[in-house]
Amino acid sequence: MRILLVEDDEILSDTIKEFIVKKYEVEQEYSGEDAYLIARSNIYDLIILDLMLPEMSGYEVLRRLRSEKINTPVLILTAKDGLDDKLKGFDYGADDYLAKPFESKELLARIEAILRRSKKSMDSNILKFKDLTLNLETRQVKVGDEEIALLGKQFDMLEYLLGFKDTIITKEQIFDKIWGFNSETTANVVEVYASGIRKALKKSGYDKYIRTIRGVGYMLTERG
C-alpha cells in the first residue's frame, strides 16, 4: 500500500512517516502545489493531507483532485479542528478528518479503517470487464471459464488498467504505480509488460481491448 503524506512541517512529517512506514510505503510532499501535481498521477492508495500548506491549501488540493475524478481516499490531518472546518473538508470529499495533536495509534487505526473500506468497495475483490475477471485475493485471471496465466507485475498492470477503464493511463503513471519511483529500471519496461499481457489475452480475443495511445500510454476500453 502506498501513502502520500502531505505536511509542510518537515519534523512532524518525518515523525509520522517513521511511525507508519513500518506497514506502508510512504512518500512525502511539503507544499500544496507539489502535492496536487503528484497526486494527479492517481497511484496512491491513500493521501494524508494537511490543510495549511504553502502555495495551495489542502482544501484546494482536495477540491481540484475531486473535480478531476481522482477518488484516492483522503485523510485530513490538521490543527484546524472547528466544526465548520471539518464540514468543509467532508464537503470537498475527504474520507476522514483527524485534528492535531493526535495519538499515533489513532492515526494508524484511521488509516487502516479507510483502507479496509476502500478494499471492500471493490466488489468483494473482483474486478470485471465483460467476461474478463480479476480476483484480487487469489490473483487469478479468467475470461469466462478459461484461466489466463498472468504473473507478478503483469497482473498488477492489468489490474491498474481495469480499475480505470476508458481512461488513458500514461506510461509514467503505470511505471510509478507498479515499479515505483526508486526502481532501477526504466519506463520502457511498461511496453514489454503490455506486450506480454496482450499475448496472454490474444487467444480469447481480449487483447484488442488494450489500446496503445501512441506517445502517451494505454487504455482498456470497448470503444474502437
Protein backbone atom coordinates (compact mmCIF):
# COMPACT_ATOMS: atom_id res chain seq x y z
CA MET A 1 0.00 0.00 0.00
CA ARG A 2 1.37 3.41 -0.99
CA ILE A 3 0.61 6.55 1.02
CA LEU A 4 1.26 10.17 0.02
CA LEU A 5 1.98 12.23 3.15
CA VAL A 6 1.46 15.98 2.66
CA GLU A 7 2.73 18.01 5.63
CA ASP A 8 4.82 21.19 5.46
CA ASP A 9 6.33 20.74 8.93
CA GLU A 10 9.26 18.53 7.99
CA ILE A 11 9.93 17.36 11.54
CA LEU A 12 6.30 16.31 12.02
CA SER A 13 6.25 14.74 8.56
CA ASP A 14 9.32 12.65 9.37
CA THR A 15 7.79 11.64 12.72
CA ILE A 16 4.57 10.47 11.04
CA LYS A 17 6.50 8.65 8.34
CA GLU A 18 8.69 6.89 10.90
CA PHE A 19 5.58 5.50 12.58
CA ILE A 20 3.57 4.37 9.56
CA VAL A 21 6.43 3.26 7.28
CA LYS A 22 6.57 0.05 9.29
CA LYS A 23 3.40 -1.03 7.48
CA TYR A 24 3.14 1.15 4.37
CA GLU A 25 5.25 2.68 1.64
CA VAL A 26 5.29 6.43 2.34
CA GLU A 27 6.20 9.33 0.05
CA GLN A 28 6.39 12.90 1.36
CA GLU A 29 5.46 16.26 -0.11
CA TYR A 30 5.67 19.62 1.65
CA SER A 31 3.64 22.08 -0.46
CA GLY A 32 0.09 22.07 -1.74
CA GLU A 33 1.05 22.63 -5.36
CA ASP A 34 3.59 19.79 -5.42
CA ALA A 35 1.13 17.51 -3.65
CA TYR A 36 -1.60 18.29 -6.16
CA LEU A 37 0.66 17.62 -9.14
CA ILE A 38 1.92 14.28 -7.86
CA ALA A 39 -1.48 13.15 -6.53
CA ARG A 40 -2.95 13.58 -10.03
CA SER A 41 -0.92 10.55 -11.09
CA ASN A 42 -3.55 8.51 -9.21
CA ILE A 43 -1.00 5.96 -8.00
CA TYR A 44 -1.64 6.20 -4.26
CA ASP A 45 -3.88 4.13 -2.02
CA LEU A 46 -4.29 6.97 0.49
CA ILE A 47 -3.39 10.64 0.88
CA ILE A 48 -2.76 12.14 4.33
CA LEU A 49 -3.34 15.85 3.81
CA ASP A 50 -2.61 18.88 5.95
CA LEU A 51 -4.82 21.92 5.28
CA MET A 52 -2.45 24.82 5.98
CA LEU A 53 0.12 24.36 3.22
CA PRO A 54 2.31 26.76 1.23
CA GLU A 55 1.39 27.59 -2.39
CA MET A 56 -2.00 25.87 -2.27
CA SER A 57 -4.24 24.99 0.68
CA GLY A 58 -5.19 21.43 1.45
CA TYR A 59 -8.81 22.35 0.74
CA GLU A 60 -7.88 23.48 -2.76
CA VAL A 61 -5.76 20.37 -3.36
CA LEU A 62 -8.72 18.20 -2.39
CA ARG A 63 -11.23 20.24 -4.39
CA ARG A 64 -9.14 20.02 -7.55
CA LEU A 65 -8.49 16.30 -7.20
CA ARG A 66 -12.17 15.51 -6.75
CA SER A 67 -13.14 17.77 -9.67
CA GLU A 68 -10.77 15.71 -11.84
CA LYS A 69 -12.35 12.44 -10.66
CA ILE A 70 -9.29 11.45 -8.61
CA ASN A 71 -11.02 9.41 -5.92
CA THR A 72 -7.99 8.37 -3.86
CA PRO A 73 -9.09 8.25 -0.19
CA VAL A 74 -8.01 11.36 1.73
CA LEU A 75 -7.43 11.66 5.46
CA ILE A 76 -7.20 15.30 6.53
CA LEU A 77 -4.69 15.77 9.33
CA THR A 78 -4.69 19.36 10.60
CA ALA A 79 -4.67 21.76 13.51
CA LYS A 80 -7.93 23.28 12.21
CA ASP A 81 -10.37 21.46 14.49
CA GLY A 82 -13.51 23.62 14.27
CA LEU A 83 -16.81 22.07 13.20
CA ASP A 84 -17.01 24.31 10.13
CA ASP A 85 -13.52 23.22 9.10
CA LYS A 86 -14.48 19.56 9.39
CA LEU A 87 -17.74 20.03 7.49
CA LYS A 88 -15.89 21.88 4.74
CA GLY A 89 -13.35 19.07 4.49
CA PHE A 90 -16.04 16.41 4.16
CA ASP A 91 -17.97 18.57 1.71
CA TYR A 92 -14.88 18.75 -0.50
CA GLY A 93 -14.60 14.96 -0.48
CA ALA A 94 -12.42 13.95 2.48
CA ASP A 95 -12.88 10.41 3.79
CA ASP A 96 -11.83 11.18 7.37
CA TYR A 97 -10.63 14.12 9.48
CA LEU A 98 -8.19 13.98 12.38
CA ALA A 99 -7.22 17.07 14.37
CA LYS A 100 -3.75 17.77 15.75
CA PRO A 101 -2.43 16.90 18.26
CA PHE A 102 -3.22 13.23 17.81
CA GLU A 103 -2.15 9.86 19.13
CA SER A 104 -0.06 7.84 16.69
CA LYS A 105 -2.13 4.73 17.39
CA GLU A 106 -5.32 6.56 16.45
CA LEU A 107 -3.76 7.77 13.21
CA LEU A 108 -2.77 4.23 12.29
CA ALA A 109 -6.23 2.93 13.20
CA ARG A 110 -7.89 5.51 10.97
CA ILE A 111 -5.54 4.73 8.09
CA GLU A 112 -6.36 1.03 8.38
CA ALA A 113 -10.11 1.73 8.57
CA ILE A 114 -10.03 3.86 5.42
CA LEU A 115 -8.03 1.26 3.51
CA ARG A 116 -10.39 -1.51 4.63
CA ARG A 117 -13.40 0.47 3.41
CA SER A 118 -11.65 1.17 0.14
CA LYS A 119 -10.84 -2.51 -0.35
CA LYS A 120 -14.41 -3.60 0.43
CA SER A 121 -15.74 -1.16 -2.17
CA MET A 122 -14.01 -3.18 -4.88
CA ASP A 123 -16.91 -5.67 -5.16
CA SER A 124 -15.52 -8.40 -2.92
CA ASN A 125 -12.08 -8.13 -4.51
CA ILE A 126 -13.38 -8.93 -8.00
CA LEU A 127 -12.74 -6.64 -10.96
CA LYS A 128 -14.74 -7.32 -14.13
CA PHE A 129 -14.63 -6.22 -17.75
CA LYS A 130 -17.12 -8.00 -20.00
CA ASP A 131 -16.26 -11.72 -19.40
CA LEU A 132 -12.80 -10.89 -18.03
CA THR A 133 -12.48 -11.18 -14.24
CA LEU A 134 -9.58 -10.48 -11.88
CA ASN A 135 -9.68 -11.92 -8.39
CA LEU A 136 -7.54 -9.55 -6.33
CA GLU A 137 -7.27 -12.00 -3.45
CA THR A 138 -6.20 -15.11 -5.36
CA ARG A 139 -4.66 -13.11 -8.26
CA GLN A 140 -6.49 -15.36 -10.69
CA VAL A 141 -7.43 -14.07 -14.16
CA LYS A 142 -10.23 -15.61 -16.22
CA VAL A 143 -12.08 -14.96 -19.44
CA GLY A 144 -15.29 -16.84 -18.94
CA ASP A 145 -14.21 -20.21 -17.55
CA GLU A 146 -10.75 -20.08 -19.15
CA GLU A 147 -7.90 -19.22 -16.81
CA ILE A 148 -5.30 -16.78 -18.14
CA ALA A 149 -1.73 -17.01 -16.86
CA LEU A 150 -0.63 -13.55 -15.74
CA LEU A 151 2.07 -13.38 -13.11
CA GLY A 152 3.56 -10.69 -10.90
CA LYS A 153 3.58 -7.24 -12.42
CA GLN A 154 1.59 -8.39 -15.47
CA PHE A 155 -1.35 -8.96 -13.14
CA ASP A 156 -0.69 -5.65 -11.36
CA MET A 157 -0.61 -3.72 -14.63
CA LEU A 158 -3.84 -5.26 -15.93
CA GLU A 159 -5.47 -4.55 -12.56
CA TYR A 160 -4.44 -0.90 -12.85
CA LEU A 161 -5.81 -0.58 -16.38
CA LEU A 162 -9.02 -2.36 -15.45
CA GLY A 163 -9.53 -0.17 -12.41
CA PHE A 164 -9.51 2.89 -14.68
CA LYS A 165 -11.15 1.55 -17.83
CA ASP A 166 -11.93 4.09 -20.56
CA THR A 167 -9.22 6.32 -19.08
CA ILE A 168 -5.84 6.97 -20.67
CA ILE A 169 -3.08 5.91 -18.27
CA THR A 170 0.35 7.23 -19.17
CA LYS A 171 3.43 5.01 -19.24
CA GLU A 172 4.87 7.12 -16.43
CA GLN A 173 1.79 6.60 -14.25
CA ILE A 174 1.93 2.84 -14.80
CA PHE A 175 5.66 2.73 -14.11
CA ASP A 176 5.35 4.79 -10.92
CA LYS A 177 2.41 2.72 -9.67
CA ILE A 178 3.78 -0.75 -10.45
CA TRP A 179 7.55 -0.37 -10.26
CA GLY A 180 7.87 2.69 -8.02
CA PHE A 181 9.83 5.93 -8.24
CA ASN A 182 13.00 4.35 -6.93
CA SER A 183 13.11 1.45 -9.39
CA GLU A 184 16.44 0.96 -11.13
CA THR A 185 14.76 0.03 -14.42
CA THR A 186 13.16 2.49 -16.87
CA ALA A 187 9.63 3.26 -18.03
CA ASN A 188 10.31 1.30 -21.23
CA VAL A 189 9.62 -1.87 -19.22
CA VAL A 190 5.92 -0.92 -19.39
CA GLU A 191 5.88 -1.68 -23.13
CA VAL A 192 7.38 -5.11 -22.52
CA TYR A 193 4.74 -5.99 -19.96
CA ALA A 194 1.92 -4.58 -22.11
CA SER A 195 3.08 -6.87 -24.92
CA GLY A 196 3.11 -9.85 -22.55
CA ILE A 197 -0.41 -9.13 -21.35
CA ARG A 198 -1.67 -8.86 -24.93
CA LYS A 199 -0.10 -12.21 -25.83
CA ALA A 200 -1.75 -13.86 -22.84
CA LEU A 201 -5.15 -12.41 -23.79
CA LYS A 202 -4.87 -13.00 -27.56
CA LYS A 203 -6.44 -16.47 -27.59
CA SER A 204 -9.61 -15.12 -26.00
CA GLY A 205 -9.61 -12.05 -28.25
CA TYR A 206 -9.36 -9.67 -25.32
CA ASP A 207 -6.02 -8.26 -26.43
CA LYS A 208 -7.94 -5.89 -28.74
CA TYR A 209 -9.38 -4.03 -25.78
CA ILE A 210 -5.97 -2.75 -24.64
CA ARG A 211 -5.37 0.28 -26.81
CA THR A 212 -1.98 1.91 -27.23
CA ILE A 213 -2.20 5.70 -27.20
CA ARG A 214 0.89 6.49 -29.22
CA GLY A 215 3.43 8.57 -27.35
CA VAL A 216 1.25 8.63 -24.22
CA GLY A 217 0.28 5.28 -22.73
CA TYR A 218 -2.55 2.74 -22.67
CA MET A 219 -6.28 2.46 -22.18
CA LEU A 220 -8.57 -0.51 -21.55
CA THR A 221 -11.79 0.17 -23.44
CA GLU A 222 -14.56 -1.36 -25.53
CA ARG A 223 -14.50 1.66 -27.79
CA GLY A 224 -12.80 1.30 -31.15
